[in-house]
Amino acid sequence: MDKQIKEFLGEGPYPFPIGNMQKYVNLYKSSNIIILEAQNTFSFREEQGTHAHSSYEFFIPVTKLFMAKVDKKRVGVTQNTLLPLNCDQFHGVAGTEENIYCLGIQVDKKSLQELARELYGRSEIFFVNQGQYVNHQLRQLIFSFQEECKNQQTGYRFALQSLSIQIMVNLLRNLKTNLPSMNSGRNYSEKKCINRSIEFLRETYKNNYCLEDVAGVANFSPYHFIRIFKTETGKTPYEYLLDIKIEKAQQMLKSKQKNISEVCYACGFNNPSHFATVFKRKVGVSPSMYRKQ
């Protein structure tokens, strides 16, 4: 079994063999987040017992009401809501749950606590164990994370790190915790630093690099870089990089010096199908239609 998965999930028990879980769930992961999506429905039974692990877990039953046992309490989670589970907190099912299709987000303890320290000045986080609404932004972040893992385009490590931080910030902001209100007293509107990072993105859009590399150009921590970048540009670094790639693709398609596949690879995409999907989402028409226009 993958070392990271074992560290995040522990020994179980789970409704599938933990050593052979990739036959039962789709795995999407970065260095600090793992998303597990069921390939089919599962049956959960109370007699399977409870388990705990070192990571934070955010469990989303997609199909119907789910009755969980957290410590010694029963907690109901409705369809498409999210149940937060803390590190080393024992949990399982209450009773028998049939035909559950679910998705889980596992978040590295150290990464989330370091981010909480930056945001709130406190690292010890305890989430309230109650079902909470999955907001639209979190849904989009999860989808983008899965797409980046599937396609692994040029720059995907940077994209995954950026998306991971955005997912963690979303969870901290929108779920009930023991943390104080956000401290907004500090001002990081360093436009020149952000402009340097934009130039870096424009010059290296075809290359592989990580979020720390780009944040380092602006001399910020990764979290503050994302926050300030969005304040200055209205977009996250990940969104901005995609826009640069599509802008370059539009220029190449207009020049008609390269065919569509060549444009795809020249703009840092590794898969023509994925390139066409992103292009149409951003521009409104397919690359071939754009060239004809």
C-alpha atoms as a PDB file:
ATOM      1  CA  MET A   1       0.000   0.000   0.000  1.00  0.00           C
ATOM      2  CA  ASP A   2       1.113   3.564  -0.699  1.00  0.00           C
ATOM      3  CA  LYS A   3       2.896   4.947   2.407  1.00  0.00           C
ATOM      4  CA  GLN A   4       0.957   8.236   2.317  1.00  0.00           C
ATOM      5  CA  ILE A   5      -2.397   6.440   2.095  1.00  0.00           C
ATOM      6  CA  LYS A   6      -1.480   4.209   5.050  1.00  0.00           C
ATOM      7  CA  GLU A   7      -0.434   7.224   7.128  1.00  0.00           C
ATOM      8  CA  PHE A   8      -3.635   9.130   6.296  1.00  0.00           C
ATOM      9  CA  LEU A   9      -6.139   6.255   6.647  1.00  0.00           C
ATOM     10  CA  GLY A  10      -4.630   3.964   9.260  1.00  0.00           C
ATOM     11  CA  GLU A  11      -5.696   0.331   9.438  1.00  0.00           C
ATOM     12  CA  GLY A  12      -9.479   0.718   9.197  1.00  0.00           C
ATOM     13  CA  PRO A  13     -11.746  -1.256   9.244  1.00  0.00           C
ATOM     14  CA  TYR A  14     -13.257  -0.082   5.949  1.00  0.00           C
ATOM     15  CA  PRO A  15     -15.979  -1.637   3.737  1.00  0.00           C
ATOM     16  CA  PHE A  16     -13.243  -2.684   1.288  1.00  0.00           C
ATOM     17  CA  PRO A  17      -9.816  -4.349   1.640  1.00  0.00           C
ATOM     18  CA  ILE A  18      -7.512  -1.464   2.573  1.00  0.00           C
ATOM     19  CA  GLY A  19      -4.536  -3.128   0.881  1.00  0.00           C
ATOM     20  CA  ASN A  20      -6.402  -3.380  -2.412  1.00  0.00           C
ATOM     21  CA  MET A  21      -8.568  -0.272  -2.194  1.00  0.00           C
ATOM     22  CA  GLN A  22      -7.853   1.007  -5.714  1.00  0.00           C
ATOM     23  CA  LYS A  23     -10.236  -1.665  -7.050  1.00  0.00           C
ATOM     24  CA  TYR A  24     -13.049  -0.079  -5.040  1.00  0.00           C
ATOM     25  CA  VAL A  25     -12.341   3.663  -4.877  1.00  0.00           C
ATOM     26  CA  ASN A  26     -10.839   6.269  -7.186  1.00  0.00           C
ATOM     27  CA  LEU A  27      -7.871   7.965  -5.516  1.00  0.00           C
ATOM     28  CA  TYR A  28      -6.812  11.559  -6.154  1.00  0.00           C
ATOM     29  CA  LYS A  29      -3.951  12.951  -4.102  1.00  0.00           C
ATOM     30  CA  SER A  30      -1.461  15.729  -3.540  1.00  0.00           C
ATOM     31  CA  SER A  31       1.181  15.910  -0.819  1.00  0.00           C
ATOM     32  CA  ASN A  32      -1.363  16.990   1.810  1.00  0.00           C
ATOM     33  CA  ILE A  33      -4.820  15.921   0.571  1.00  0.00           C
ATOM     34  CA  ILE A  34      -6.297  12.612  -0.571  1.00  0.00           C
ATOM     35  CA  ILE A  35      -9.765  12.453  -2.116  1.00  0.00           C
ATOM     36  CA  LEU A  36     -11.417   9.028  -2.250  1.00  0.00           C
ATOM     37  CA  GLU A  37     -14.445   8.548  -4.491  1.00  0.00           C
ATOM     38  CA  ALA A  38     -16.410   5.283  -4.419  1.00  0.00           C
ATOM     39  CA  GLN A  39     -16.543   3.462  -7.742  1.00  0.00           C
ATOM     40  CA  ASN A  40     -19.789   1.736  -6.659  1.00  0.00           C
ATOM     41  CA  THR A  41     -22.129   1.830  -3.671  1.00  0.00           C
ATOM     42  CA  PHE A  42     -21.018   0.310  -0.359  1.00  0.00           C
ATOM     43  CA  SER A  43     -22.753  -1.342   2.560  1.00  0.00           C
ATOM     44  CA  PHE A  44     -21.589  -0.227   6.010  1.00  0.00           C
ATOM     45  CA  ARG A  45     -22.352  -2.251   9.147  1.00  0.00           C
ATOM     46  CA  GLU A  46     -21.972  -1.289  12.786  1.00  0.00           C
ATOM     47  CA  GLU A  47     -20.380  -4.642  13.641  1.00  0.00           C
ATOM     48  CA  GLN A  48     -17.413  -3.648  11.475  1.00  0.00           C
ATOM     49  CA  GLY A  49     -16.422  -1.461  14.413  1.00  0.00           C
ATOM     50  CA  THR A  50     -14.926   2.009  14.606  1.00  0.00           C
ATOM     51  CA  HIS A  51     -11.537   3.341  13.570  1.00  0.00           C
ATOM     52  CA  ALA A  52      -9.414   6.481  13.867  1.00  0.00           C
ATOM     53  CA  HIS A  53      -6.507   7.910  11.888  1.00  0.00           C
ATOM     54  CA  SER A  54      -3.978  10.737  12.005  1.00  0.00           C
ATOM     55  CA  SER A  55      -5.578  12.814   9.240  1.00  0.00           C
ATOM     56  CA  TYR A  56      -8.680  15.012   9.332  1.00  0.00           C
ATOM     57  CA  GLU A  57     -11.558  13.435   7.396  1.00  0.00           C
ATOM     58  CA  PHE A  58     -14.501  15.123   5.673  1.00  0.00           C
ATOM     59  CA  PHE A  59     -17.096  12.514   4.700  1.00  0.00           C
ATOM     60  CA  ILE A  60     -19.779  13.244   2.077  1.00  0.00           C
ATOM     61  CA  PRO A  61     -22.605  10.696   1.505  1.00  0.00           C
ATOM     62  CA  VAL A  62     -23.820  11.444  -2.014  1.00  0.00           C
ATOM     63  CA  THR A  63     -26.880   9.173  -2.141  1.00  0.00           C
ATOM     64  CA  LYS A  64     -28.940   9.433   1.062  1.00  0.00           C
ATOM     65  CA  LEU A  65     -29.085  10.029   4.821  1.00  0.00           C
ATOM     66  CA  PHE A  66     -26.180   8.393   6.626  1.00  0.00           C
ATOM     67  CA  MET A  67     -26.129   7.639  10.371  1.00  0.00           C
ATOM     68  CA  ALA A  68     -22.621   7.805  11.792  1.00  0.00           C
ATOM     69  CA  LYS A  69     -21.179   7.025  15.194  1.00  0.00           C
ATOM     70  CA  VAL A  70     -18.580   9.558  16.352  1.00  0.00           C
ATOM     71  CA  ASP A  71     -16.994   8.733  19.689  1.00  0.00           C
ATOM     72  CA  LYS A  72     -20.160   7.545  21.501  1.00  0.00           C
ATOM     73  CA  LYS A  73     -22.638   9.851  19.745  1.00  0.00           C
ATOM     74  CA  ARG A  74     -24.970   9.192  16.806  1.00  0.00           C
ATOM     75  CA  VAL A  75     -24.748  11.831  14.065  1.00  0.00           C
ATOM     76  CA  GLY A  76     -27.054  12.068  11.045  1.00  0.00           C
ATOM     77  CA  VAL A  77     -25.644  13.341   7.756  1.00  0.00           C
ATOM     78  CA  THR A  78     -28.055  14.086   4.927  1.00  0.00           C
ATOM     79  CA  GLN A  79     -27.366  13.635   1.233  1.00  0.00           C
ATOM     80  CA  ASN A  80     -24.603  15.903  -0.098  1.00  0.00           C
ATOM     81  CA  THR A  81     -23.704  17.381   3.274  1.00  0.00           C
ATOM     82  CA  LEU A  82     -20.293  17.022   4.859  1.00  0.00           C
ATOM     83  CA  LEU A  83     -19.381  15.426   8.194  1.00  0.00           C
ATOM     84  CA  PRO A  84     -16.050  16.643   9.655  1.00  0.00           C
ATOM     85  CA  LEU A  85     -14.039  14.104  11.677  1.00  0.00           C
ATOM     86  CA  ASN A  86     -11.025  15.090  13.740  1.00  0.00           C
ATOM     87  CA  CYS A  87      -7.613  13.468  13.950  1.00  0.00           C
ATOM     88  CA  ASP A  88      -7.550  10.361  16.182  1.00  0.00           C
ATOM     89  CA  GLN A  89     -11.322  10.551  16.721  1.00  0.00           C
ATOM     90  CA  PHE A  90     -13.013   7.141  16.600  1.00  0.00           C
ATOM     91  CA  HIS A  91     -15.875   6.884  14.129  1.00  0.00           C
ATOM     92  CA  GLY A  92     -17.916   4.366  12.188  1.00  0.00           C
ATOM     93  CA  VAL A  93     -21.550   3.702  11.322  1.00  0.00           C
ATOM     94  CA  ALA A  94     -24.556   3.505  13.611  1.00  0.00           C
ATOM     95  CA  GLY A  95     -26.583   0.476  12.525  1.00  0.00           C
ATOM     96  CA  THR A  96     -26.539  -0.786   8.946  1.00  0.00           C
ATOM     97  CA  GLU A  97     -26.314   1.481   5.916  1.00  0.00           C
ATOM     98  CA  GLU A  98     -26.970  -0.080   2.505  1.00  0.00           C
ATOM     99  CA  ASN A  99     -26.164   1.243  -0.976  1.00  0.00           C
ATOM    100  CA  ILE A 100     -24.172   4.283   0.120  1.00  0.00           C
ATOM    101  CA  TYR A 101     -22.257   6.120  -2.574  1.00  0.00           C
ATOM    102  CA  CYS A 102     -19.758   8.417  -0.905  1.00  0.00           C
ATOM    103  CA  LEU A 103     -16.767  10.695  -1.240  1.00  0.00           C
ATOM    104  CA  GLY A 104     -14.161  11.430   1.422  1.00  0.00           C
ATOM    105  CA  ILE A 105     -11.489  14.099   1.784  1.00  0.00           C
ATOM    106  CA  GLN A 106      -8.488  13.249   3.967  1.00  0.00           C
ATOM    107  CA  VAL A 107      -6.333  16.228   4.987  1.00  0.00           C
ATOM    108  CA  ASP A 108      -2.854  16.029   6.481  1.00  0.00           C
ATOM    109  CA  LYS A 109      -2.853  17.129  10.132  1.00  0.00           C
ATOM    110  CA  LYS A 110       0.393  19.123   9.989  1.00  0.00           C
ATOM    111  CA  SER A 111      -0.579  21.004   6.797  1.00  0.00           C
ATOM    112  CA  LEU A 112      -4.002  22.029   8.121  1.00  0.00           C
ATOM    113  CA  GLN A 113      -2.619  23.090  11.493  1.00  0.00           C
ATOM    114  CA  GLU A 114       0.148  25.188   9.896  1.00  0.00           C
ATOM    115  CA  LEU A 115      -2.454  26.926   7.744  1.00  0.00           C
ATOM    116  CA  ALA A 116      -4.684  27.528  10.777  1.00  0.00           C
ATOM    117  CA  ARG A 117      -1.736  29.128  12.555  1.00  0.00           C
ATOM    118  CA  GLU A 118      -1.254  31.520   9.635  1.00  0.00           C
ATOM    119  CA  LEU A 119      -4.967  32.330   9.423  1.00  0.00           C
ATOM    120  CA  TYR A 120      -6.020  32.402  13.062  1.00  0.00           C
ATOM    121  CA  GLY A 121      -2.858  32.407  15.162  1.00  0.00           C
ATOM    122  CA  ARG A 122      -3.789  28.975  16.588  1.00  0.00           C
ATOM    123  CA  SER A 123      -2.850  25.542  15.307  1.00  0.00           C
ATOM    124  CA  GLU A 124      -5.007  23.233  17.411  1.00  0.00           C
ATOM    125  CA  ILE A 125      -8.182  22.654  15.393  1.00  0.00           C
ATOM    126  CA  PHE A 126     -11.286  20.796  16.481  1.00  0.00           C
ATOM    127  CA  PHE A 127     -14.194  20.573  14.032  1.00  0.00           C
ATOM    128  CA  VAL A 128     -17.768  20.277  15.331  1.00  0.00           C
ATOM    129  CA  ASN A 129     -19.107  16.823  14.393  1.00  0.00           C
ATOM    130  CA  GLN A 130     -22.306  17.770  12.578  1.00  0.00           C
ATOM    131  CA  GLY A 131     -23.393  17.593   8.966  1.00  0.00           C
ATOM    132  CA  GLN A 132     -22.752  20.859   7.185  1.00  0.00           C
ATOM    133  CA  TYR A 133     -23.622  22.121   3.720  1.00  0.00           C
ATOM    134  CA  VAL A 134     -21.128  21.490   0.890  1.00  0.00           C
ATOM    135  CA  ASN A 135     -20.874  24.929  -0.730  1.00  0.00           C
ATOM    136  CA  HIS A 136     -20.572  25.441  -4.489  1.00  0.00           C
ATOM    137  CA  GLN A 137     -16.983  26.660  -4.297  1.00  0.00           C
ATOM    138  CA  LEU A 138     -15.863  23.497  -2.492  1.00  0.00           C
ATOM    139  CA  ARG A 139     -17.612  21.346  -5.107  1.00  0.00           C
ATOM    140  CA  GLN A 140     -15.744  23.181  -7.878  1.00  0.00           C
ATOM    141  CA  LEU A 141     -12.415  22.857  -6.061  1.00  0.00           C
ATOM    142  CA  ILE A 142     -12.925  19.103  -5.603  1.00  0.00           C
ATOM    143  CA  PHE A 143     -13.801  18.710  -9.292  1.00  0.00           C
ATOM    144  CA  SER A 144     -10.741  20.727 -10.403  1.00  0.00           C
ATOM    145  CA  PHE A 145      -8.514  18.697  -8.054  1.00  0.00           C
ATOM    146  CA  GLN A 146      -9.798  15.444  -9.559  1.00  0.00           C
ATOM    147  CA  GLU A 147      -9.321  16.733 -13.117  1.00  0.00           C
ATOM    148  CA  GLU A 148      -5.730  17.797 -12.446  1.00  0.00           C
ATOM    149  CA  CYS A 149      -4.943  14.371 -10.948  1.00  0.00           C
ATOM    150  CA  LYS A 150      -6.502  12.570 -13.910  1.00  0.00           C
ATOM    151  CA  ASN A 151      -4.882  14.592 -16.678  1.00  0.00           C
ATOM    152  CA  GLN A 152      -1.519  15.584 -15.127  1.00  0.00           C
ATOM    153  CA  GLN A 153      -0.948  18.425 -17.546  1.00  0.00           C
ATOM    154  CA  THR A 154       2.254  20.448 -17.458  1.00  0.00           C
ATOM    155  CA  GLY A 155       2.268  22.398 -14.202  1.00  0.00           C
ATOM    156  CA  TYR A 156      -0.164  20.016 -12.475  1.00  0.00           C
ATOM    157  CA  ARG A 157       1.944  19.883  -9.281  1.00  0.00           C
ATOM    158  CA  PHE A 158       1.602  23.674  -8.989  1.00  0.00           C
ATOM    159  CA  ALA A 159      -2.132  23.383  -9.681  1.00  0.00           C
ATOM    160  CA  LEU A 160      -2.640  20.643  -7.063  1.00  0.00           C
ATOM    161  CA  GLN A 161      -0.757  22.558  -4.378  1.00  0.00           C
ATOM    162  CA  SER A 162      -2.794  25.670  -5.115  1.00  0.00           C
ATOM    163  CA  LEU A 163      -6.074  23.725  -5.089  1.00  0.00           C
ATOM    164  CA  SER A 164      -5.109  21.908  -1.874  1.00  0.00           C
ATOM    165  CA  ILE A 165      -4.623  25.192  -0.026  1.00  0.00           C
ATOM    166  CA  GLN A 166      -7.904  26.546  -1.388  1.00  0.00           C
ATOM    167  CA  ILE A 167      -9.743  23.397  -0.242  1.00  0.00           C
ATOM    168  CA  MET A 168      -8.223  23.653   3.248  1.00  0.00           C
ATOM    169  CA  VAL A 169      -9.064  27.373   3.512  1.00  0.00           C
ATOM    170  CA  ASN A 170     -12.632  26.663   2.407  1.00  0.00           C
ATOM    171  CA  LEU A 171     -13.024  23.991   5.098  1.00  0.00           C
ATOM    172  CA  LEU A 172     -11.590  26.251   7.814  1.00  0.00           C
ATOM    173  CA  ARG A 173     -13.769  29.200   6.803  1.00  0.00           C
ATOM    174  CA  ASN A 174     -17.059  27.403   6.342  1.00  0.00           C
ATOM    175  CA  LEU A 175     -17.152  24.626   8.952  1.00  0.00           C
ATOM    176  CA  LYS A 176     -17.749  25.101  12.656  1.00  0.00           C
ATOM    177  CA  THR A 177     -14.543  24.866  14.682  1.00  0.00           C
ATOM    178  CA  ASN A 178     -12.996  25.984  17.957  1.00  0.00           C
ATOM    179  CA  LEU A 179     -10.995  28.686  16.129  1.00  0.00           C
ATOM    180  CA  PRO A 180     -11.509  32.441  16.665  1.00  0.00           C
ATOM    181  CA  SER A 181     -12.714  34.825  13.968  1.00  0.00           C
ATOM    182  CA  MET A 182     -10.382  35.480  11.041  1.00  0.00           C
ATOM    183  CA  ASN A 183      -7.708  38.044  11.798  1.00  0.00           C
ATOM    184  CA  SER A 184      -7.768  40.560   8.936  1.00  0.00           C
ATOM    185  CA  GLY A 185      -5.591  43.239  10.508  1.00  0.00           C
ATOM    186  CA  ARG A 186      -2.517  42.610   8.357  1.00  0.00           C
ATOM    187  CA  ASN A 187      -2.228  44.114   4.882  1.00  0.00           C
ATOM    188  CA  TYR A 188      -0.348  42.263   2.130  1.00  0.00           C
ATOM    189  CA  SER A 189      -1.293  44.272  -0.971  1.00  0.00           C
ATOM    190  CA  GLU A 190       2.199  44.229  -2.527  1.00  0.00           C
ATOM    191  CA  LYS A 191       1.324  44.856  -6.145  1.00  0.00           C
ATOM    192  CA  LYS A 192       4.928  44.863  -7.422  1.00  0.00           C
ATOM    193  CA  CYS A 193       5.543  41.426  -5.909  1.00  0.00           C
ATOM    194  CA  ILE A 194       2.417  40.031  -7.543  1.00  0.00           C
ATOM    195  CA  ASN A 195       3.431  41.577 -10.869  1.00  0.00           C
ATOM    196  CA  ARG A 196       6.754  39.718 -10.616  1.00  0.00           C
ATOM    197  CA  SER A 197       4.909  36.449 -10.100  1.00  0.00           C
ATOM    198  CA  ILE A 198       2.634  37.196 -13.083  1.00  0.00           C
ATOM    199  CA  GLU A 199       5.690  37.754 -15.278  1.00  0.00           C
ATOM    200  CA  PHE A 200       7.075  34.443 -14.007  1.00  0.00           C
ATOM    201  CA  LEU A 201       3.839  32.651 -14.946  1.00  0.00           C
ATOM    202  CA  ARG A 202       3.828  34.244 -18.397  1.00  0.00           C
ATOM    203  CA  GLU A 203       7.441  33.282 -19.066  1.00  0.00           C
ATOM    204  CA  THR A 204       7.237  29.722 -17.716  1.00  0.00           C
ATOM    205  CA  TYR A 205       3.646  28.661 -18.466  1.00  0.00           C
ATOM    206  CA  LYS A 206       4.904  25.573 -20.360  1.00  0.00           C
ATOM    207  CA  ASN A 207       7.218  24.406 -17.554  1.00  0.00           C
ATOM    208  CA  ASN A 208       6.766  22.263 -14.469  1.00  0.00           C
ATOM    209  CA  TYR A 209       7.107  24.077 -11.134  1.00  0.00           C
ATOM    210  CA  CYS A 210       5.442  24.038  -7.740  1.00  0.00           C
ATOM    211  CA  LEU A 211       3.412  26.621  -5.832  1.00  0.00           C
ATOM    212  CA  GLU A 212       6.367  27.401  -3.538  1.00  0.00           C
ATOM    213  CA  ASP A 213       8.435  28.411  -6.586  1.00  0.00           C
ATOM    214  CA  VAL A 214       5.877  30.999  -7.718  1.00  0.00           C
ATOM    215  CA  ALA A 215       5.135  32.229  -4.177  1.00  0.00           C
ATOM    216  CA  GLY A 216       8.891  32.596  -3.656  1.00  0.00           C
ATOM    217  CA  VAL A 217       9.112  34.965  -6.624  1.00  0.00           C
ATOM    218  CA  ALA A 218       6.662  37.231  -4.770  1.00  0.00           C
ATOM    219  CA  ASN A 219       8.378  36.558  -1.434  1.00  0.00           C
ATOM    220  CA  PHE A 220       5.201  35.284   0.263  1.00  0.00           C
ATOM    221  CA  SER A 221       4.126  32.053   1.932  1.00  0.00           C
ATOM    222  CA  PRO A 222       1.935  29.895  -0.360  1.00  0.00           C
ATOM    223  CA  TYR A 223      -1.288  30.773   1.481  1.00  0.00           C
ATOM    224  CA  HIS A 224      -0.662  34.521   1.570  1.00  0.00           C
ATOM    225  CA  PHE A 225       0.473  34.428  -2.042  1.00  0.00           C
ATOM    226  CA  ILE A 226      -2.866  32.926  -3.149  1.00  0.00           C
ATOM    227  CA  ARG A 227      -4.819  35.405  -1.031  1.00  0.00           C
ATOM    228  CA  ILE A 228      -2.937  38.499  -2.233  1.00  0.00           C
ATOM    229  CA  PHE A 229      -2.844  37.282  -5.833  1.00  0.00           C
ATOM    230  CA  LYS A 230      -6.643  36.955  -5.878  1.00  0.00           C
ATOM    231  CA  THR A 231      -7.041  40.370  -4.244  1.00  0.00           C
ATOM    232  CA  GLU A 232      -4.881  41.980  -6.941  1.00  0.00           C
ATOM    233  CA  THR A 233      -6.110  40.041  -9.993  1.00  0.00           C
ATOM    234  CA  GLY A 234      -9.565  38.692  -9.056  1.00  0.00           C
ATOM    235  CA  LYS A 235      -8.340  35.165  -9.827  1.00  0.00           C
ATOM    236  CA  THR A 236      -6.363  32.430  -8.100  1.00  0.00           C
ATOM    237  CA  PRO A 237      -2.862  31.666  -9.492  1.00  0.00           C
ATOM    238  CA  TYR A 238      -4.224  28.382 -10.866  1.00  0.00           C
ATOM    239  CA  GLU A 239      -7.042  30.159 -12.750  1.00  0.00           C
ATOM    240  CA  TYR A 240      -4.632  32.831 -13.976  1.00  0.00           C
ATOM    241  CA  LEU A 241      -2.202  30.219 -15.323  1.00  0.00           C
ATOM    242  CA  LEU A 242      -5.016  28.472 -17.215  1.00  0.00           C
ATOM    243  CA  ASP A 243      -6.018  31.824 -18.722  1.00  0.00           C
ATOM    244  CA  ILE A 244      -2.434  32.425 -19.870  1.00  0.00           C
ATOM    245  CA  LYS A 245      -2.320  29.020 -21.554  1.00  0.00           C
ATOM    246  CA  ILE A 246      -5.640  29.586 -23.320  1.00  0.00           C
ATOM    247  CA  GLU A 247      -4.569  33.110 -24.362  1.00  0.00           C
ATOM    248  CA  LYS A 248      -1.395  31.646 -25.941  1.00  0.00           C
ATOM    249  CA  ALA A 249      -3.484  28.942 -27.625  1.00  0.00           C
ATOM    250  CA  GLN A 250      -5.782  31.563 -29.140  1.00  0.00           C
ATOM    251  CA  GLN A 251      -2.775  33.428 -30.574  1.00  0.00           C
ATOM    252  CA  MET A 252      -1.354  30.228 -32.103  1.00  0.00           C
ATOM    253  CA  LEU A 253      -4.706  29.152 -33.541  1.00  0.00           C
ATOM    254  CA  LYS A 254      -5.112  32.547 -35.178  1.00  0.00           C
ATOM    255  CA  SER A 255      -1.642  32.351 -36.766  1.00  0.00           C
ATOM    256  CA  LYS A 256      -2.480  28.907 -38.272  1.00  0.00           C
ATOM    257  CA  GLN A 257       1.182  27.903 -38.202  1.00  0.00           C
ATOM    258  CA  LYS A 258       0.523  24.844 -36.025  1.00  0.00           C
ATOM    259  CA  ASN A 259      -2.207  22.229 -36.075  1.00  0.00           C
ATOM    260  CA  ILE A 260      -4.479  21.860 -33.031  1.00  0.00           C
ATOM    261  CA  SER A 261      -2.456  19.021 -31.468  1.00  0.00           C
ATOM    262  CA  GLU A 262       0.750  21.031 -31.812  1.00  0.00           C
ATOM    263  CA  VAL A 263      -0.940  24.041 -30.210  1.00  0.00           C
ATOM    264  CA  CYS A 264      -2.103  21.803 -27.358  1.00  0.00           C
ATOM    265  CA  TYR A 265       1.428  20.626 -26.507  1.00  0.00           C
ATOM    266  CA  ALA A 266       3.027  24.015 -27.151  1.00  0.00           C
ATOM    267  CA  CYS A 267       0.741  25.551 -24.516  1.00  0.00           C
ATOM    268  CA  GLY A 268       1.652  23.047 -21.828  1.00  0.00           C
ATOM    269  CA  PHE A 269      -1.265  20.620 -22.198  1.00  0.00           C
ATOM    270  CA  ASN A 270      -0.469  16.903 -22.441  1.00  0.00           C
ATOM    271  CA  ASN A 271      -3.847  15.712 -23.672  1.00  0.00           C
ATOM    272  CA  PRO A 272      -5.682  17.150 -26.726  1.00  0.00           C
ATOM    273  CA  SER A 273      -9.057  16.086 -25.330  1.00  0.00           C
ATOM    274  CA  HIS A 274      -8.441  17.897 -22.044  1.00  0.00           C
ATOM    275  CA  PHE A 275      -7.114  20.914 -23.950  1.00  0.00           C
ATOM    276  CA  ALA A 276     -10.317  21.045 -26.032  1.00  0.00           C
ATOM    277  CA  THR A 277     -12.472  20.791 -22.891  1.00  0.00           C
ATOM    278  CA  VAL A 278     -10.651  23.614 -21.084  1.00  0.00           C
ATOM    279  CA  PHE A 279     -10.555  25.769 -24.232  1.00  0.00           C
ATOM    280  CA  LYS A 280     -14.306  25.453 -24.800  1.00  0.00           C
ATOM    281  CA  ARG A 281     -15.038  26.189 -21.132  1.00  0.00           C
ATOM    282  CA  LYS A 282     -12.926  29.345 -21.254  1.00  0.00           C
ATOM    283  CA  VAL A 283     -13.651  30.607 -24.778  1.00  0.00           C
ATOM    284  CA  GLY A 284     -17.121  29.200 -25.474  1.00  0.00           C
ATOM    285  CA  VAL A 285     -16.215  27.301 -28.652  1.00  0.00           C
ATOM    286  CA  SER A 286     -13.916  24.397 -29.516  1.00  0.00           C
ATOM    287  CA  PRO A 287     -10.353  25.037 -30.813  1.00  0.00           C
ATOM    288  CA  SER A 288     -11.340  23.888 -34.317  1.00  0.00           C
ATOM    289  CA  MET A 289     -14.368  26.202 -34.372  1.00  0.00           C
ATOM    290  CA  TYR A 290     -12.266  29.091 -33.037  1.00  0.00           C
ATOM    291  CA  ARG A 291      -9.746  28.580 -35.855  1.00  0.00           C
ATOM    292  CA  LYS A 292     -12.509  28.630 -38.468  1.00  0.00           C
ATOM    293  CA  GLN A 293     -13.908  31.879 -37.055  1.00  0.00           C
END
